[in-house]
C-alpha atoms as a PDB file:
ATOM      1  CA  MET A   1     101.461 109.162  97.762  1.00  0.00           C
ATOM      2  CA  SER A   2      97.687 108.952  96.932  1.00  0.00           C
ATOM      3  CA  ARG A   3      95.532 106.228  95.751  1.00  0.00           C
ATOM      4  CA  LYS A   4      92.767 106.447  93.179  1.00  0.00           C
ATOM      5  CA  PHE A   5      89.813 103.984  92.801  1.00  0.00           C
ATOM      6  CA  ILE A   6      86.615 103.698  90.782  1.00  0.00           C
ATOM      7  CA  LEU A   7      83.699 102.447  92.254  1.00  0.00           C
ATOM      8  CA  HIS A   8      80.944 100.699  90.466  1.00  0.00           C
ATOM      9  CA  ARG A   9      77.547  99.718  91.458  1.00  0.00           C
ATOM     10  CA  VAL A  10      75.721  96.873  89.817  1.00  0.00           C
ATOM     11  CA  GLY A  11      72.148  96.407  91.509  1.00  0.00           C
ATOM     12  CA  THR A  12      72.914  96.211  95.303  1.00  0.00           C
ATOM     13  CA  GLN A  13      76.600  95.327  94.875  1.00  0.00           C
ATOM     14  CA  PHE A  14      79.740  97.612  94.886  1.00  0.00           C
ATOM     15  CA  ILE A  15      82.809  96.851  93.331  1.00  0.00           C
ATOM     16  CA  GLU A  16      85.954  98.730  94.055  1.00  0.00           C
ATOM     17  CA  THR A  17      88.958  99.071  91.216  1.00  0.00           C
ATOM     18  CA  GLU A  18      92.121 100.610  92.152  1.00  0.00           C
ATOM     19  CA  ILE A  19      93.762 102.573  89.590  1.00  0.00           C
ATOM     20  CA  PRO A  20      97.212 101.391  89.237  1.00  0.00           C
ATOM     21  CA  GLN A  21     100.042 104.335  89.859  1.00  0.00           C
ATOM     22  CA  GLY A  22     103.344 104.125  88.079  1.00  0.00           C
ATOM     23  CA  ARG A  23     104.657 103.022  84.854  1.00  0.00           C
ATOM     24  CA  GLY A  24     104.032  99.259  83.817  1.00  0.00           C
ATOM     25  CA  ALA A  25     101.576  98.864  86.785  1.00  0.00           C
ATOM     26  CA  HIS A  26      98.556  96.571  86.279  1.00  0.00           C
ATOM     27  CA  ALA A  27      95.218  96.763  88.163  1.00  0.00           C
ATOM     28  CA  ALA A  28      94.508  93.930  90.503  1.00  0.00           C
ATOM     29  CA  ALA A  29      91.162  91.742  91.076  1.00  0.00           C
ATOM     30  CA  ALA A  30      88.667  94.153  91.782  1.00  0.00           C
ATOM     31  CA  PRO A  31      86.654  93.022  95.313  1.00  0.00           C
ATOM     32  CA  SER A  32      83.029  93.624  95.678  1.00  0.00           C
ATOM     33  CA  TYR A  33      80.727  94.393  98.595  1.00  0.00           C
ATOM     34  CA  ASP A  34      77.158  93.120  98.876  1.00  0.00           C
ATOM     35  CA  ASN A  35      75.802  96.395 100.302  1.00  0.00           C
ATOM     36  CA  TRP A  36      76.532 100.214 101.123  1.00  0.00           C
ATOM     37  CA  ASP A  37      77.242  99.678 104.672  1.00  0.00           C
ATOM     38  CA  ALA A  38      80.184  96.906 103.465  1.00  0.00           C
ATOM     39  CA  MET A  39      81.411  99.574 101.082  1.00  0.00           C
ATOM     40  CA  GLU A  40      81.437 102.088 103.662  1.00  0.00           C
ATOM     41  CA  GLN A  41      83.372 100.296 105.926  1.00  0.00           C
ATOM     42  CA  ARG A  42      85.904  99.441 103.209  1.00  0.00           C
ATOM     43  CA  LEU A  43      86.353 103.383 102.338  1.00  0.00           C
ATOM     44  CA  LEU A  44      86.898 104.141 106.206  1.00  0.00           C
ATOM     45  CA  SER A  45      89.583 101.305 106.534  1.00  0.00           C
ATOM     46  CA  LEU A  46      91.459 103.143 103.390  1.00  0.00           C
ATOM     47  CA  GLY A  47      91.673 106.420 105.243  1.00  0.00           C
ATOM     48  CA  ALA A  48      88.944 108.082 103.316  1.00  0.00           C
ATOM     49  CA  PHE A  49      87.198 111.347 104.960  1.00  0.00           C
ATOM     50  CA  PRO A  50      83.643 111.261 106.056  1.00  0.00           C
ATOM     51  CA  GLU A  51      82.952 114.034 103.852  1.00  0.00           C
ATOM     52  CA  THR A  52      84.184 112.006 100.883  1.00  0.00           C
ATOM     53  CA  ILE A  53      82.229 108.856 101.997  1.00  0.00           C
ATOM     54  CA  LYS A  54      79.082 111.132 101.582  1.00  0.00           C
ATOM     55  CA  ARG A  55      79.670 112.510  98.329  1.00  0.00           C
ATOM     56  CA  VAL A  56      80.358 108.674  97.034  1.00  0.00           C
ATOM     57  CA  LYS A  57      76.843 107.842  98.480  1.00  0.00           C
ATOM     58  CA  SER A  58      75.107 110.930  97.247  1.00  0.00           C
ATOM     59  CA  ASP A  59      76.582 109.792  93.692  1.00  0.00           C
ATOM     60  CA  PHE A  60      75.054 106.709  94.057  1.00  0.00           C
ATOM     61  CA  ASP A  61      71.767 107.746  95.490  1.00  0.00           C
ATOM     62  CA  SER A  62      71.465 110.175  92.394  1.00  0.00           C
ATOM     63  CA  GLY A  63      71.575 107.060  90.184  1.00  0.00           C
ATOM     64  CA  ARG A  64      75.158 107.032  89.127  1.00  0.00           C
ATOM     65  CA  GLU A  65      76.464 103.898  88.256  1.00  0.00           C
ATOM     66  CA  SER A  66      80.170 104.753  88.974  1.00  0.00           C
ATOM     67  CA  THR A  67      82.169 107.480  90.658  1.00  0.00           C
ATOM     68  CA  SER A  68      85.829 108.029  91.762  1.00  0.00           C
ATOM     69  CA  ILE A  69      87.655 108.687  94.399  1.00  0.00           C
ATOM     70  CA  GLU A  70      91.256 109.612  95.496  1.00  0.00           C
ATOM     71  CA  ILE A  71      92.477 109.098  99.091  1.00  0.00           C
ATOM     72  CA  LYS A  72      95.690 110.711 100.457  1.00  0.00           C
ATOM     73  CA  GLY A  73      98.212 108.468 101.551  1.00  0.00           C
ATOM     74  CA  ASP A  74      98.947 110.485 104.755  1.00  0.00           C
ATOM     75  CA  ALA A  75      95.361 110.762 106.024  1.00  0.00           C
ATOM     76  CA  THR A  76      95.901 108.222 108.617  1.00  0.00           C
ATOM     77  CA  VAL A  77      99.392 109.128 109.459  1.00  0.00           C
ATOM     78  CA  SER A  78      99.753 110.876 112.879  1.00  0.00           C
ATOM     79  CA  ASN A  79     102.809 111.911 114.688  1.00  0.00           C
ATOM     80  CA  GLU A  80     101.019 111.823 118.127  1.00  0.00           C
ATOM     81  CA  LEU A  81     103.098 109.900 120.813  1.00  0.00           C
ATOM     82  CA  PHE A  82     102.506 108.504 124.120  1.00  0.00           C
ATOM     83  CA  LEU A  83     104.918 108.748 127.085  1.00  0.00           C
ATOM     84  CA  ALA A  84     105.834 105.789 129.186  1.00  0.00           C
ATOM     85  CA  VAL A  85     108.045 105.692 132.066  1.00  0.00           C
ATOM     86  CA  LEU A  86     109.910 102.208 132.256  1.00  0.00           C
ATOM     87  CA  PRO A  87     111.981 100.698 134.769  1.00  0.00           C
ATOM     88  CA  LEU A  88     115.791  99.914 133.493  1.00  0.00           C
ATOM     89  CA  ILE A  89     117.406  97.528 135.698  1.00  0.00           C
ATOM     90  CA  HIS A  90     121.345  96.845 135.233  1.00  0.00           C
ATOM     91  CA  VAL A  91     122.168  92.990 135.558  1.00  0.00           C
ATOM     92  CA  SER A  92     125.955  92.571 135.896  1.00  0.00           C
ATOM     93  CA  ASN A  93     128.466  90.341 137.833  1.00  0.00           C
ATOM     94  CA  THR A  94     130.602  93.129 138.714  1.00  0.00           C
ATOM     95  CA  PRO A  95     129.739  95.958 141.108  1.00  0.00           C
ATOM     96  CA  TYR A  96     131.544  98.510 138.772  1.00  0.00           C
ATOM     97  CA  LEU A  97     128.875  98.283 136.269  1.00  0.00           C
ATOM     98  CA  GLY A  98     126.123  98.758 138.648  1.00  0.00           C
ATOM     99  CA  TYR A  99     124.755  95.605 139.757  1.00  0.00           C
ATOM    100  CA  GLY A 100     121.179  95.915 140.665  1.00  0.00           C
ATOM    101  CA  MET A 101     120.933  99.829 140.197  1.00  0.00           C
ATOM    102  CA  THR A 102     117.746 100.820 138.738  1.00  0.00           C
ATOM    103  CA  GLU A 103     117.018 103.739 136.685  1.00  0.00           C
ATOM    104  CA  GLN A 104     113.814 105.207 135.032  1.00  0.00           C
ATOM    105  CA  THR A 105     113.878 105.823 131.301  1.00  0.00           C
ATOM    106  CA  LEU A 106     111.305 107.685 129.187  1.00  0.00           C
ATOM    107  CA  THR A 107     110.037 105.910 126.008  1.00  0.00           C
ATOM    108  CA  LEU A 108     107.566 107.071 123.497  1.00  0.00           C
ATOM    109  CA  PHE A 109     104.971 105.085 121.615  1.00  0.00           C
ATOM    110  CA  PRO A 110     102.706 105.414 118.990  1.00  0.00           C
ATOM    111  CA  ASP A 111      99.980 103.612 121.168  1.00  0.00           C
ATOM    112  CA  ARG A 112      97.977 104.962 124.058  1.00  0.00           C
ATOM    113  CA  ASN A 113      97.843 101.162 125.208  1.00  0.00           C
ATOM    114  CA  PHE A 114     101.505 101.314 126.601  1.00  0.00           C
ATOM    115  CA  ALA A 115     101.559 104.658 127.910  1.00  0.00           C
ATOM    116  CA  THR A 116     101.874 105.351 131.493  1.00  0.00           C
ATOM    117  CA  HIS A 117      98.836 106.887 133.085  1.00  0.00           C
ATOM    118  CA  PHE A 118      99.425 110.065 135.081  1.00  0.00           C
ATOM    119  CA  SER A 119      96.640 110.915 137.611  1.00  0.00           C
ATOM    120  CA  PRO A 120      95.611 114.783 137.163  1.00  0.00           C
ATOM    121  CA  THR A 121      95.880 114.918 141.050  1.00  0.00           C
ATOM    122  CA  LYS A 122      99.466 113.834 141.324  1.00  0.00           C
END
C-alpha cells in the first residue's frame, strides 16, 4: 500500500499533510518542520527514495509553495535474512530425553546484529 502526501512551504517552515486512503478516512493533524533538513529526515524515515527527495527540493527551490509525493509501502521492506548458529541444550530429568545433550540449530534473523560472524579464513 502506498502513502500520499502534500507538502507545503510557508516561509522557512514545511508542512506535511497525508492524503487519507480508503472510504471514510480523514486527514490527521499536519506536522510541521522548521527547516529543509528536518523535512528531508522525515521523508527518509518514511522510506522516500533520494531521487524523490531531490525532486521535492527542486520544486521548492523553483518557488513552488506545495508539491505532492507518493511513497510506496514496500520501499523499506527487505527479504534479506542473516544466519545465526545457536546451541540448543536439552534439559530433562530422564536420560531417555537426552539430558544434557547439545545440538546446533540454524536460525534466520532479519537483523545483522544477531547473526553469527563467519571468518573468511575458516
